[in-house]
Protein backbone atom coordinates (compact mmCIF):
# COMPACT_ATOMS: atom_id res chain seq x y z
CA GLU A 1 -16.60 -18.37 20.67
CA GLN A 2 -14.33 -16.30 22.86
CA GLU A 3 -15.02 -12.59 22.85
CA LEU A 4 -11.69 -10.88 23.39
CA THR A 5 -10.96 -7.20 23.85
CA PHE A 6 -7.90 -5.57 22.29
CA ASP A 7 -6.30 -5.15 25.75
CA GLN A 8 -6.79 -8.84 26.55
CA LEU A 9 -5.18 -9.74 23.24
CA MET A 10 -2.20 -7.52 24.07
CA LYS A 11 -1.80 -9.24 27.43
CA GLU A 12 -2.03 -12.72 25.90
CA MET A 13 0.46 -11.71 23.20
CA LYS A 14 3.06 -10.40 25.67
CA GLU A 15 2.79 -13.63 27.67
CA GLU A 16 3.35 -15.73 24.55
CA ILE A 17 6.36 -13.64 23.50
CA SER A 18 7.92 -14.01 26.96
CA ASN A 19 7.90 -17.82 26.54
CA PHE A 20 10.17 -17.80 23.47
CA GLU A 21 13.76 -18.86 24.16
CA THR A 22 15.41 -18.51 20.77
CA GLU A 23 18.89 -17.13 20.17
CA LYS A 24 18.31 -13.59 18.91
CA LYS A 25 21.34 -12.90 16.72
CA ASP A 26 23.11 -14.65 13.89
CA GLY A 27 26.12 -12.41 13.36
CA SER A 28 24.86 -8.90 12.65
CA ARG A 29 21.31 -9.94 11.75
CA LEU A 30 18.42 -11.54 13.57
CA SER A 31 18.60 -15.34 13.57
CA SER A 32 16.14 -17.05 11.22
CA GLU A 33 14.32 -18.79 14.10
CA TYR A 34 13.99 -15.49 15.98
CA LEU A 35 12.66 -13.81 12.85
CA LEU A 36 10.12 -16.62 12.33
CA ASN A 37 8.92 -16.17 15.92
CA ILE A 38 8.34 -12.46 15.24
CA PHE A 39 6.63 -13.25 11.92
CA TYR A 40 4.32 -15.77 13.65
CA ILE A 41 3.33 -13.36 16.43
CA LEU A 42 2.80 -10.49 13.95
CA THR A 43 0.62 -12.65 11.70
CA LYS A 44 -1.36 -14.25 14.51
CA TYR A 45 -2.14 -11.22 16.65
CA THR A 46 -2.81 -8.72 13.86
CA ALA A 47 -5.32 -11.24 12.43
CA LEU A 48 -6.97 -11.67 15.85
CA ALA A 49 -7.01 -7.90 16.40
CA LYS A 50 -8.71 -7.37 13.02
CA ILE A 51 -11.44 -9.86 14.01
CA CYS A 52 -11.79 -8.09 17.36
CA GLU A 53 -12.07 -4.64 15.73
CA ASP A 54 -14.51 -5.86 13.09
CA LYS A 55 -16.87 -7.28 15.71
CA ILE A 56 -16.98 -3.88 17.42
CA SER A 57 -17.57 -1.89 14.23
CA PHE A 58 -20.03 -4.45 12.76
CA GLN A 59 -22.76 -3.68 15.32
CA LYS A 60 -22.41 0.07 14.79
CA ARG A 61 -22.44 -0.30 10.99
CA ILE A 62 -25.60 -2.42 11.05
CA GLU A 63 -27.39 0.05 13.32
CA VAL A 64 -26.81 3.04 10.99
CA LEU A 65 -27.64 0.96 7.87
CA LYS A 66 -30.94 -0.11 9.42
CA GLU A 67 -31.74 3.57 9.94
CA GLY A 68 -30.92 4.25 6.28
CA LYS A 69 -28.11 6.68 7.14
CA ASP A 70 -25.78 6.06 4.19
CA ASP A 71 -23.59 9.11 4.80
CA GLU A 72 -23.14 8.19 8.44
CA TYR A 73 -22.35 4.62 7.40
CA GLU A 74 -19.59 5.82 5.05
CA LYS A 75 -18.18 8.07 7.78
CA LEU A 76 -18.24 5.13 10.20
CA ARG A 77 -16.38 2.90 7.72
CA LYS A 78 -13.64 5.51 7.33
CA GLU A 79 -13.36 6.02 11.09
CA SER A 80 -13.22 2.25 11.65
CA ASP A 81 -10.43 1.89 9.07
CA ILE A 82 -8.41 4.67 10.73
CA GLU A 83 -8.98 3.13 14.18
CA GLU A 84 -8.03 -0.33 12.93
CA ASN A 85 -4.82 0.95 11.31
CA LYS A 86 -3.95 2.77 14.54
CA ARG A 87 -4.51 -0.42 16.58
CA MET A 88 -2.45 -2.49 14.14
CA GLN A 89 0.45 -0.02 14.31
CA GLU A 90 0.24 0.05 18.10
CA MET A 91 0.31 -3.75 18.22
CA GLN A 92 3.22 -3.94 15.76
CA ASP A 93 5.24 -1.42 17.81
CA VAL A 94 4.66 -3.45 20.98
CA ILE A 95 5.68 -6.70 19.23
CA PHE A 96 9.01 -5.25 18.03
CA LYS A 97 9.64 -3.71 21.45
CA GLU A 98 8.89 -6.98 23.27
CA PHE A 99 11.29 -8.81 20.94
CA GLY A 100 13.93 -6.12 21.51
CA THR A 101 14.17 -5.11 17.87
CA ASP A 102 12.59 -2.65 15.43
CA GLU A 103 10.92 -2.72 12.02
CA ASN A 104 14.14 -1.83 10.15
CA GLU A 105 16.19 -4.63 11.68
CA TYR A 106 13.30 -7.06 11.12
CA MET A 107 12.85 -6.07 7.45
CA ASN A 108 16.60 -6.10 6.72
CA SER A 109 16.97 -9.59 8.17
CA TYR A 110 13.78 -10.71 6.42
CA GLN A 111 15.16 -9.66 3.00
CA THR A 112 18.18 -11.91 3.60
CA TYR A 113 16.18 -15.01 4.49
CA VAL A 114 13.14 -14.70 2.21
CA ILE A 115 15.12 -15.87 -0.85
CA GLN A 116 15.81 -19.21 0.87
CA PRO A 117 13.18 -21.84 -0.09
CA ASN A 118 13.46 -23.58 3.29
CA PHE A 119 12.69 -20.31 5.09
CA THR A 120 9.63 -19.51 2.93
CA MET A 121 8.31 -23.05 3.53
CA LYS A 122 8.57 -22.47 7.28
CA MET A 123 6.75 -19.15 6.87
CA GLN A 124 3.92 -20.83 4.96
CA ALA A 125 3.64 -23.49 7.68
CA LEU A 126 3.35 -20.73 10.30
CA GLN A 127 0.65 -18.96 8.25
CA GLN A 128 -1.31 -22.22 8.19
CA LYS A 129 -0.77 -22.57 11.95
CA VAL A 130 -2.35 -19.11 12.40
CA VAL A 131 -5.35 -20.08 10.23
CA ASP A 132 -5.82 -23.27 12.29
CA HIS A 133 -5.49 -21.34 15.56
CA ILE A 134 -8.15 -18.81 14.52
CA GLN A 135 -10.51 -21.58 13.40
CA ASN A 136 -10.04 -23.35 16.74
CA ARG A 137 -10.84 -20.15 18.62
CA ASN A 138 -13.93 -19.65 16.50
CA PRO A 139 -15.06 -23.18 15.64
CA ASP A 140 -17.00 -23.53 12.41
CA LYS A 141 -20.71 -23.64 13.11
CA ASP A 142 -23.19 -25.15 10.71
CA ILE A 143 -25.06 -22.65 8.57
CA PRO A 144 -28.47 -21.67 10.00
CA GLU A 145 -31.29 -24.02 8.97
CA SER A 146 -33.24 -21.09 7.56
CA LEU A 147 -30.43 -20.48 5.03
CA THR A 148 -31.84 -22.93 2.48
CA LYS A 149 -30.67 -23.38 -1.10
CA GLU A 150 -33.60 -21.20 -2.29
CA LYS A 151 -32.65 -18.45 0.17
CA ALA A 152 -28.98 -18.65 -0.87
CA GLU A 153 -30.01 -18.33 -4.54
CA GLU A 154 -32.16 -15.32 -3.65
CA ILE A 155 -29.18 -13.69 -1.89
CA ARG A 156 -26.91 -14.48 -4.85
CA ASP A 157 -29.37 -12.91 -7.31
CA PHE A 158 -29.81 -9.85 -5.09
CA ALA A 159 -26.02 -9.46 -4.79
CA LYS A 160 -25.61 -9.81 -8.57
CA GLU A 161 -28.28 -7.20 -9.25
CA GLN A 162 -26.82 -4.76 -6.70
CA THR A 163 -23.30 -5.20 -8.10
CA GLN A 164 -24.49 -4.56 -11.66
CA LYS A 165 -26.30 -1.41 -10.48
CA THR A 166 -23.10 -0.25 -8.73
CA ILE A 167 -20.99 -0.81 -11.86
CA MET A 168 -23.47 1.09 -14.06
CA HIS A 169 -23.66 3.95 -11.57
CA LEU A 170 -19.87 4.21 -11.23
CA GLN A 171 -19.36 4.03 -15.00
CA THR A 172 -21.55 7.11 -15.44
CA THR A 173 -20.20 9.09 -12.47
CA VAL A 174 -16.49 8.19 -12.19
CA THR A 175 -13.84 8.67 -14.87
CA ASN A 176 -10.68 7.96 -12.85
CA GLN A 177 -9.76 4.23 -12.78
CA GLN A 178 -8.30 4.33 -9.25
CA GLU A 179 -11.36 6.10 -7.88
CA PHE A 180 -13.56 3.57 -9.68
CA SER A 181 -11.66 0.67 -8.03
CA GLU A 182 -11.78 2.24 -4.56
CA LYS A 183 -15.51 3.03 -4.76
CA PHE A 184 -16.29 -0.39 -6.20
CA MET A 185 -14.39 -2.16 -3.38
CA TYR A 186 -16.20 0.00 -0.83
CA GLU A 187 -19.62 -0.92 -2.33
CA VAL A 188 -18.73 -4.62 -2.43
CA SER A 189 -17.77 -4.66 1.25
CA LYS A 190 -20.87 -2.60 2.11
CA LEU A 191 -23.00 -5.19 0.30
CA ASP A 192 -22.10 -7.78 2.96
CA ASP A 193 -23.70 -5.51 5.57
CA VAL A 194 -26.67 -4.69 3.31
CA ILE A 195 -27.30 -8.44 2.89
CA TYR A 196 -27.17 -8.88 6.67
CA VAL A 197 -29.76 -6.11 7.18
CA LYS A 198 -32.04 -7.43 4.41
CA PHE A 199 -31.72 -11.19 4.94
CA GLY A 200 -30.27 -11.56 8.47
CA PHE A 201 -27.25 -13.69 7.50
CA LYS A 202 -23.58 -12.85 8.00
CA ASN A 203 -21.11 -12.98 5.12
CA THR A 204 -19.35 -16.06 6.58
CA ASP A 205 -22.62 -18.04 6.62
CA VAL A 206 -23.62 -16.85 3.14
CA LEU A 207 -20.26 -17.96 1.71
CA LYS A 208 -20.56 -21.35 3.40
CA ALA A 209 -24.07 -21.72 1.93
CA PHE A 210 -22.78 -20.83 -1.54
CA GLN A 211 -20.14 -23.55 -1.19
CA LYS A 212 -22.59 -26.10 0.21
CA TYR A 213 -25.13 -25.53 -2.56
CA ASN A 214 -22.45 -25.20 -5.25
CA LEU A 215 -23.36 -21.61 -6.16
CA ILE A 216 -19.80 -20.34 -6.54
CA PRO A 217 -18.61 -19.81 -10.14
CA LYS A 218 -16.05 -22.34 -11.36
CA GLN A 219 -13.14 -19.86 -11.40
CA GLY A 220 -13.26 -19.91 -7.57
CA ALA A 221 -14.30 -16.49 -6.32
CA GLN A 222 -12.42 -15.24 -3.28
CA THR A 223 -15.38 -13.32 -1.92
CA MET A 224 -19.01 -13.17 -2.95
CA PRO A 225 -19.77 -14.77 -6.33
CA TYR A 226 -21.30 -11.70 -7.94
């Protein structure tokens, strides 16, 4: 697994952009191939940057959780989100600059092409290419031997119980629907870290164990099957 810093990612990204040799314009708009190149680079490197940022903040989050500092944990989450958004914006600005365009020109051209089925198919293929690239950079490892079916069931039951407690607590303390959704999403993402502190397994391994032992509800949960 390659540990990359944000600066190394930027360097790698600029090198990749410099290798593109596509005609930029198609009349007054960006050519579809040029636009797809930008879309690919945006998708690929923002995804890699998110992974990079999460690895940095993960260690800090776990440390404060272990010390039982819930307020500090919440503050850290907010700071990490702000930092991540700043990094993403910085990366996006560099991408448009390297391609000699800007967000407006990109979005205006995008609106023209996105209604064409052939173009959206190419976009989907590029999204899959990004997924494959990320998996190749971080090859799938088998789940740890200690993550048995019994342990996975214990984690699932713990997660279910915690989620029910969260819902009951929010129902008695929050009246605004938007605030309820935001706080619930925060608690769900925090639960991944809580599980790591309590059981020692990362979310990716837990999800793989749930799939392996068929513990995911039939409707196909996107995240934890709580």
